[in-house]
N, C-alpha and C. Protein backbone atom coordinates (compact mmCIF):
# COMPACT_ATOMS: atom_id res chain seq x y z
N MET A 1 147.66 176.48 154.73
CA MET A 1 146.35 175.98 154.37
C MET A 1 145.97 176.35 152.95
N GLY A 2 146.60 177.38 152.42
CA GLY A 2 146.37 177.71 151.02
C GLY A 2 145.57 178.97 150.80
N LEU A 3 145.56 179.38 149.55
CA LEU A 3 144.90 180.61 149.14
C LEU A 3 143.38 180.54 149.35
N ALA A 4 142.77 179.42 149.07
CA ALA A 4 141.31 179.29 149.24
C ALA A 4 140.93 179.53 150.70
N TYR A 5 141.69 178.96 151.60
CA TYR A 5 141.43 179.14 153.03
C TYR A 5 141.50 180.62 153.41
N ASP A 6 142.50 181.32 152.87
CA ASP A 6 142.64 182.76 153.16
C ASP A 6 141.44 183.54 152.66
N TRP A 7 140.92 183.22 151.47
CA TRP A 7 139.75 183.91 150.94
C TRP A 7 138.50 183.60 151.75
N ILE A 8 138.39 182.39 152.22
CA ILE A 8 137.25 182.04 153.09
C ILE A 8 137.35 182.84 154.39
N LYS A 9 138.56 182.96 154.92
CA LYS A 9 138.77 183.74 156.15
C LYS A 9 138.42 185.21 155.92
N ILE A 10 138.78 185.75 154.77
CA ILE A 10 138.43 187.14 154.44
C ILE A 10 136.90 187.28 154.40
N GLY A 11 136.22 186.34 153.78
CA GLY A 11 134.76 186.37 153.75
C GLY A 11 134.16 186.32 155.14
N HIS A 12 134.74 185.49 155.99
CA HIS A 12 134.26 185.37 157.37
C HIS A 12 134.46 186.68 158.13
N LEU A 13 135.66 187.23 158.06
CA LEU A 13 135.94 188.48 158.78
C LEU A 13 135.10 189.64 158.26
N PHE A 14 134.93 189.73 156.95
CA PHE A 14 134.09 190.78 156.38
C PHE A 14 132.65 190.66 156.90
N SER A 15 132.13 189.44 156.90
CA SER A 15 130.77 189.19 157.37
C SER A 15 130.62 189.52 158.85
N VAL A 16 131.60 189.12 159.66
CA VAL A 16 131.56 189.40 161.10
C VAL A 16 131.54 190.90 161.34
N ILE A 17 132.40 191.64 160.65
CA ILE A 17 132.47 193.09 160.84
C ILE A 17 131.13 193.74 160.47
N ALA A 18 130.57 193.36 159.33
CA ALA A 18 129.29 193.93 158.90
C ALA A 18 128.17 193.58 159.88
N TRP A 19 128.16 192.33 160.34
CA TRP A 19 127.11 191.88 161.27
C TRP A 19 127.22 192.64 162.58
N MET A 20 128.43 192.74 163.11
CA MET A 20 128.60 193.42 164.40
C MET A 20 128.28 194.91 164.28
N ALA A 21 128.61 195.52 163.16
CA ALA A 21 128.24 196.93 162.98
C ALA A 21 126.73 197.09 163.10
N GLY A 22 125.98 196.21 162.47
CA GLY A 22 124.53 196.26 162.56
C GLY A 22 124.02 195.94 163.95
N ILE A 23 124.63 194.97 164.59
CA ILE A 23 124.20 194.58 165.94
C ILE A 23 124.43 195.71 166.94
N PHE A 24 125.47 196.52 166.71
CA PHE A 24 125.70 197.67 167.58
C PHE A 24 124.81 198.86 167.20
N TYR A 25 124.52 199.01 165.92
CA TYR A 25 123.79 200.20 165.47
C TYR A 25 122.28 200.08 165.64
N LEU A 26 121.70 198.92 165.37
CA LEU A 26 120.24 198.79 165.43
C LEU A 26 119.67 199.14 166.80
N PRO A 27 120.24 198.66 167.91
CA PRO A 27 119.69 199.07 169.21
C PRO A 27 119.83 200.58 169.48
N ARG A 28 120.87 201.21 168.89
CA ARG A 28 121.00 202.67 169.03
C ARG A 28 119.85 203.36 168.29
N LEU A 29 119.48 202.83 167.13
CA LEU A 29 118.30 203.37 166.45
C LEU A 29 117.06 203.21 167.31
N PHE A 30 116.95 202.05 167.98
CA PHE A 30 115.80 201.81 168.86
C PHE A 30 115.75 202.82 170.01
N VAL A 31 116.92 203.21 170.52
CA VAL A 31 116.98 204.19 171.61
C VAL A 31 116.26 205.47 171.18
N TYR A 32 116.57 205.94 169.98
CA TYR A 32 115.96 207.17 169.49
C TYR A 32 114.53 206.96 169.03
N HIS A 33 114.27 205.80 168.46
CA HIS A 33 112.92 205.49 167.98
C HIS A 33 111.93 205.41 169.15
N ALA A 34 112.40 204.88 170.27
CA ALA A 34 111.53 204.75 171.45
C ALA A 34 111.05 206.12 171.95
N ASP A 35 111.83 207.16 171.69
CA ASP A 35 111.45 208.51 172.13
C ASP A 35 110.66 209.29 171.07
N ALA A 36 110.54 208.72 169.87
CA ALA A 36 109.82 209.40 168.80
C ALA A 36 108.31 209.20 168.96
N VAL A 37 107.56 210.17 168.58
CA VAL A 37 106.09 210.10 168.65
C VAL A 37 105.59 209.13 167.57
N ILE A 38 104.73 208.20 167.97
CA ILE A 38 104.16 207.24 167.03
C ILE A 38 103.45 207.97 165.90
N GLY A 39 103.74 207.55 164.67
CA GLY A 39 103.11 208.15 163.51
C GLY A 39 103.81 209.39 162.99
N SER A 40 104.81 209.88 163.71
CA SER A 40 105.53 211.08 163.27
C SER A 40 106.44 210.72 162.09
N VAL A 41 106.86 211.73 161.38
CA VAL A 41 107.81 211.54 160.27
C VAL A 41 109.08 210.88 160.80
N GLN A 42 109.52 211.31 161.96
CA GLN A 42 110.72 210.74 162.57
C GLN A 42 110.54 209.25 162.83
N SER A 43 109.42 208.86 163.41
CA SER A 43 109.15 207.45 163.70
C SER A 43 109.11 206.62 162.42
N GLU A 44 108.46 207.15 161.40
CA GLU A 44 108.36 206.43 160.13
C GLU A 44 109.72 206.30 159.45
N THR A 45 110.56 207.32 159.58
CA THR A 45 111.92 207.26 159.04
C THR A 45 112.74 206.20 159.75
N PHE A 46 112.61 206.12 161.07
CA PHE A 46 113.32 205.08 161.81
C PHE A 46 112.90 203.69 161.34
N LYS A 47 111.63 203.49 161.07
CA LYS A 47 111.14 202.19 160.61
C LYS A 47 111.86 201.77 159.32
N VAL A 48 111.98 202.71 158.40
CA VAL A 48 112.67 202.42 157.13
C VAL A 48 114.14 202.11 157.38
N MET A 49 114.79 202.92 158.19
CA MET A 49 116.21 202.71 158.49
C MET A 49 116.44 201.35 159.15
N GLU A 50 115.61 201.02 160.11
CA GLU A 50 115.75 199.75 160.84
C GLU A 50 115.52 198.55 159.93
N ARG A 51 114.49 198.64 159.09
CA ARG A 51 114.20 197.53 158.18
C ARG A 51 115.34 197.32 157.18
N ARG A 52 115.81 198.40 156.61
CA ARG A 52 116.90 198.29 155.62
C ARG A 52 118.19 197.78 156.25
N LEU A 53 118.49 198.26 157.44
CA LEU A 53 119.69 197.78 158.14
C LEU A 53 119.58 196.29 158.42
N PHE A 54 118.43 195.87 158.93
CA PHE A 54 118.29 194.47 159.30
C PHE A 54 118.29 193.56 158.08
N ARG A 55 117.45 193.88 157.11
CA ARG A 55 117.30 193.00 155.94
C ARG A 55 118.46 193.11 154.96
N GLY A 56 119.00 194.31 154.78
CA GLY A 56 120.02 194.52 153.76
C GLY A 56 121.44 194.28 154.21
N ILE A 57 121.68 194.40 155.51
CA ILE A 57 123.06 194.25 156.01
C ILE A 57 123.15 193.14 157.05
N MET A 58 122.36 193.25 158.10
CA MET A 58 122.54 192.33 159.23
C MET A 58 122.23 190.88 158.88
N ARG A 59 121.09 190.64 158.25
CA ARG A 59 120.71 189.26 157.93
C ARG A 59 121.72 188.60 156.98
N PRO A 60 122.06 189.23 155.85
CA PRO A 60 123.07 188.60 154.99
C PRO A 60 124.42 188.44 155.68
N ALA A 61 124.81 189.41 156.50
CA ALA A 61 126.09 189.32 157.20
C ALA A 61 126.09 188.18 158.22
N MET A 62 124.95 187.97 158.89
CA MET A 62 124.87 186.85 159.83
C MET A 62 125.01 185.53 159.08
N TYR A 63 124.30 185.40 157.95
CA TYR A 63 124.42 184.17 157.15
C TYR A 63 125.86 183.97 156.68
N GLY A 64 126.50 185.06 156.27
CA GLY A 64 127.90 184.96 155.84
C GLY A 64 128.82 184.57 156.97
N THR A 65 128.58 185.13 158.16
CA THR A 65 129.39 184.78 159.33
C THR A 65 129.31 183.29 159.61
N TRP A 66 128.09 182.78 159.66
CA TRP A 66 127.90 181.36 159.92
C TRP A 66 128.45 180.49 158.78
N GLY A 67 128.12 180.86 157.55
CA GLY A 67 128.54 180.05 156.40
C GLY A 67 130.05 179.99 156.26
N PHE A 68 130.68 181.15 156.23
CA PHE A 68 132.14 181.17 156.11
C PHE A 68 132.82 180.57 157.33
N GLY A 69 132.24 180.80 158.52
CA GLY A 69 132.83 180.25 159.74
C GLY A 69 132.81 178.73 159.75
N LEU A 70 131.66 178.16 159.38
CA LEU A 70 131.57 176.70 159.32
C LEU A 70 132.49 176.14 158.23
N TRP A 71 132.56 176.82 157.12
CA TRP A 71 133.44 176.41 156.02
C TRP A 71 134.89 176.43 156.48
N LEU A 72 135.29 177.49 157.19
CA LEU A 72 136.65 177.56 157.74
C LEU A 72 136.93 176.39 158.67
N GLY A 73 135.98 176.14 159.56
CA GLY A 73 136.15 175.05 160.53
C GLY A 73 136.30 173.71 159.86
N LEU A 74 135.51 173.47 158.83
CA LEU A 74 135.60 172.20 158.11
C LEU A 74 136.89 172.10 157.31
N LYS A 75 137.20 173.15 156.58
CA LYS A 75 138.41 173.14 155.74
C LYS A 75 139.68 173.07 156.58
N GLY A 76 139.66 173.71 157.73
CA GLY A 76 140.84 173.73 158.59
C GLY A 76 140.90 172.57 159.58
N GLY A 77 139.87 171.74 159.61
CA GLY A 77 139.85 170.62 160.54
C GLY A 77 139.76 171.05 161.99
N TRP A 78 139.06 172.17 162.22
CA TRP A 78 139.01 172.75 163.56
C TRP A 78 138.00 172.09 164.48
N PHE A 79 137.12 171.28 163.96
CA PHE A 79 136.02 170.76 164.79
C PHE A 79 136.37 169.50 165.59
N SER A 80 137.58 169.03 165.48
CA SER A 80 137.94 167.80 166.20
C SER A 80 138.68 168.14 167.49
N GLY A 81 137.93 168.25 168.56
CA GLY A 81 138.52 168.39 169.90
C GLY A 81 139.07 169.75 170.26
N VAL A 82 138.69 170.81 169.58
CA VAL A 82 139.18 172.14 169.92
C VAL A 82 138.14 172.81 170.83
N SER A 83 138.39 172.79 172.14
CA SER A 83 137.41 173.27 173.10
C SER A 83 137.05 174.73 172.93
N TRP A 84 138.05 175.58 172.68
CA TRP A 84 137.77 177.01 172.55
C TRP A 84 136.81 177.28 171.40
N LEU A 85 136.91 176.49 170.32
CA LEU A 85 136.04 176.71 169.17
C LEU A 85 134.58 176.39 169.49
N TRP A 86 134.37 175.34 170.27
CA TRP A 86 133.00 174.99 170.65
C TRP A 86 132.39 176.06 171.55
N LEU A 87 133.21 176.60 172.46
CA LEU A 87 132.73 177.69 173.32
C LEU A 87 132.46 178.94 172.49
N LYS A 88 133.34 179.21 171.53
CA LYS A 88 133.11 180.35 170.62
C LYS A 88 131.78 180.15 169.89
N GLY A 89 131.54 178.94 169.43
CA GLY A 89 130.29 178.64 168.75
C GLY A 89 129.07 178.93 169.61
N LEU A 90 129.17 178.62 170.89
CA LEU A 90 128.06 178.93 171.80
C LEU A 90 127.84 180.43 171.94
N LEU A 91 128.93 181.19 171.99
CA LEU A 91 128.80 182.64 172.07
C LEU A 91 128.23 183.23 170.78
N VAL A 92 128.63 182.67 169.63
CA VAL A 92 128.06 183.12 168.35
C VAL A 92 126.59 182.74 168.27
N LEU A 93 126.24 181.59 168.82
CA LEU A 93 124.83 181.19 168.89
C LEU A 93 124.05 182.19 169.75
N ALA A 94 124.63 182.63 170.86
CA ALA A 94 123.99 183.64 171.71
C ALA A 94 123.81 184.95 170.93
N LEU A 95 124.80 185.34 170.13
CA LEU A 95 124.65 186.53 169.29
C LEU A 95 123.53 186.36 168.27
N THR A 96 123.39 185.14 167.78
CA THR A 96 122.33 184.85 166.81
C THR A 96 120.96 184.97 167.46
N VAL A 97 120.83 184.48 168.68
CA VAL A 97 119.56 184.63 169.42
C VAL A 97 119.28 186.12 169.63
N TYR A 98 120.29 186.87 170.01
CA TYR A 98 120.16 188.32 170.18
C TYR A 98 119.74 188.98 168.87
N HIS A 99 120.33 188.55 167.77
CA HIS A 99 120.00 189.06 166.44
C HIS A 99 118.50 188.90 166.17
N TYR A 100 117.97 187.72 166.45
CA TYR A 100 116.54 187.48 166.21
C TYR A 100 115.66 188.23 167.21
N GLN A 101 116.17 188.48 168.40
CA GLN A 101 115.42 189.31 169.35
C GLN A 101 115.36 190.75 168.85
N LEU A 102 116.47 191.23 168.27
CA LEU A 102 116.46 192.56 167.67
C LEU A 102 115.39 192.64 166.58
N ASP A 103 115.26 191.58 165.80
CA ASP A 103 114.24 191.58 164.75
C ASP A 103 112.84 191.62 165.35
N ALA A 104 112.63 190.92 166.45
CA ALA A 104 111.32 190.95 167.11
C ALA A 104 111.01 192.38 167.60
N TRP A 105 111.99 193.04 168.18
CA TRP A 105 111.79 194.42 168.62
C TRP A 105 111.56 195.34 167.43
N ARG A 106 112.28 195.09 166.34
CA ARG A 106 112.12 195.89 165.12
C ARG A 106 110.69 195.76 164.60
N LYS A 107 110.19 194.55 164.59
CA LYS A 107 108.82 194.31 164.12
C LYS A 107 107.79 194.98 165.03
N ALA A 108 108.07 195.01 166.33
CA ALA A 108 107.16 195.70 167.26
C ALA A 108 107.13 197.19 166.94
N PHE A 109 108.28 197.79 166.67
CA PHE A 109 108.31 199.20 166.27
C PHE A 109 107.52 199.40 164.98
N GLU A 110 107.72 198.47 164.03
CA GLU A 110 107.05 198.57 162.74
C GLU A 110 105.53 198.59 162.89
N LEU A 111 105.03 197.86 163.89
CA LEU A 111 103.59 197.79 164.15
C LEU A 111 103.12 198.83 165.17
N ASP A 112 104.02 199.74 165.54
CA ASP A 112 103.74 200.75 166.58
C ASP A 112 103.32 200.08 167.89
N ALA A 113 103.97 198.96 168.20
CA ALA A 113 103.63 198.20 169.40
C ALA A 113 104.81 198.04 170.35
N ASN A 114 105.82 198.89 170.23
CA ASN A 114 106.96 198.81 171.12
C ASN A 114 106.52 199.08 172.56
N ARG A 115 107.02 198.26 173.49
CA ARG A 115 106.67 198.43 174.91
C ARG A 115 107.88 198.79 175.77
N HIS A 116 109.00 199.10 175.16
CA HIS A 116 110.21 199.38 175.92
C HIS A 116 110.62 200.85 175.74
N ASN A 117 111.27 201.38 176.78
CA ASN A 117 111.74 202.76 176.70
C ASN A 117 113.19 202.80 176.20
N SER A 118 113.68 204.00 175.99
CA SER A 118 115.03 204.17 175.45
C SER A 118 116.10 203.62 176.40
N ARG A 119 115.87 203.71 177.69
CA ARG A 119 116.84 203.18 178.67
C ARG A 119 117.01 201.67 178.51
N PHE A 120 115.92 200.97 178.28
CA PHE A 120 115.97 199.52 178.07
C PHE A 120 116.89 199.19 176.89
N PHE A 121 116.72 199.92 175.78
CA PHE A 121 117.54 199.63 174.60
C PHE A 121 119.00 200.04 174.81
N ARG A 122 119.25 201.05 175.63
CA ARG A 122 120.63 201.40 175.97
C ARG A 122 121.30 200.23 176.71
N MET A 123 120.57 199.63 177.63
CA MET A 123 121.12 198.50 178.38
C MET A 123 121.31 197.27 177.47
N MET A 124 120.34 197.02 176.61
CA MET A 124 120.43 195.86 175.70
C MET A 124 121.59 196.01 174.72
N ASN A 125 121.98 197.24 174.46
CA ASN A 125 123.08 197.49 173.54
C ASN A 125 124.43 197.03 174.10
N GLU A 126 124.50 196.78 175.40
CA GLU A 126 125.76 196.34 176.02
C GLU A 126 126.00 194.84 175.87
N LEU A 127 124.96 194.06 175.72
CA LEU A 127 125.10 192.61 175.65
C LEU A 127 126.02 192.13 174.53
N PRO A 128 125.87 192.62 173.30
CA PRO A 128 126.77 192.12 172.25
C PRO A 128 128.23 192.49 172.48
N THR A 129 128.48 193.56 173.22
CA THR A 129 129.86 193.95 173.53
C THR A 129 130.52 192.86 174.37
N VAL A 130 129.81 192.37 175.36
CA VAL A 130 130.34 191.32 176.24
C VAL A 130 130.55 190.03 175.44
N LEU A 131 129.58 189.67 174.60
CA LEU A 131 129.71 188.46 173.79
C LEU A 131 130.89 188.57 172.82
N LEU A 132 131.02 189.71 172.18
CA LEU A 132 132.13 189.91 171.24
C LEU A 132 133.48 189.82 171.95
N LEU A 133 133.58 190.41 173.12
CA LEU A 133 134.83 190.33 173.87
C LEU A 133 135.18 188.87 174.19
N GLY A 134 134.19 188.11 174.61
CA GLY A 134 134.42 186.68 174.88
C GLY A 134 134.89 185.94 173.64
N ILE A 135 134.28 186.22 172.51
CA ILE A 135 134.66 185.57 171.25
C ILE A 135 136.10 185.93 170.88
N LEU A 136 136.44 187.20 170.99
CA LEU A 136 137.80 187.63 170.64
C LEU A 136 138.85 187.00 171.55
N VAL A 137 138.57 186.93 172.84
CA VAL A 137 139.51 186.29 173.77
C VAL A 137 139.72 184.83 173.37
N LEU A 138 138.65 184.14 173.06
CA LEU A 138 138.76 182.73 172.68
C LEU A 138 139.55 182.56 171.37
N VAL A 139 139.27 183.39 170.37
CA VAL A 139 139.92 183.25 169.07
C VAL A 139 141.41 183.60 169.16
N VAL A 140 141.73 184.65 169.87
CA VAL A 140 143.13 185.09 169.90
C VAL A 140 143.96 184.26 170.88
N LEU A 141 143.45 184.02 172.09
CA LEU A 141 144.24 183.32 173.10
C LEU A 141 144.10 181.80 173.06
N LYS A 142 142.98 181.32 172.51
CA LYS A 142 142.70 179.87 172.44
C LYS A 142 143.02 179.20 173.78
N PRO A 143 142.38 179.64 174.86
CA PRO A 143 142.75 179.19 176.20
C PRO A 143 142.39 177.74 176.55
N LEU A 144 141.51 177.13 175.80
CA LEU A 144 141.05 175.78 176.16
C LEU A 144 141.54 174.75 175.18
């Protein structure tokens, strides 16, 4: 496919890794933030960490994942009848919905309006693991 395709793939993989790191880490921050006293130094520090992670890493990485991924699909001609790719796209769409839900929870913390306990965020932290596993199975095995 050529050198350009390889560089696009590198951009896609780099973006995916950065995005997934944030998707795994932000809910862990929420676990600890949920136990922090509102208005405490600890709570205010979590707000800064969560905002910087989301805006500085996760959001650009999500855009890169989608942008490079779509570019790869177009350049490689992957969108014509490849069933596994369409299913992968649905799983990535589910991760994107989860990403925006994380932002909604982040904003609730920012406003001191969080209504969930640390156990809730521990459970929510498992969802992207399942989605990522499904994506990896589809990409590596291409079963459909």
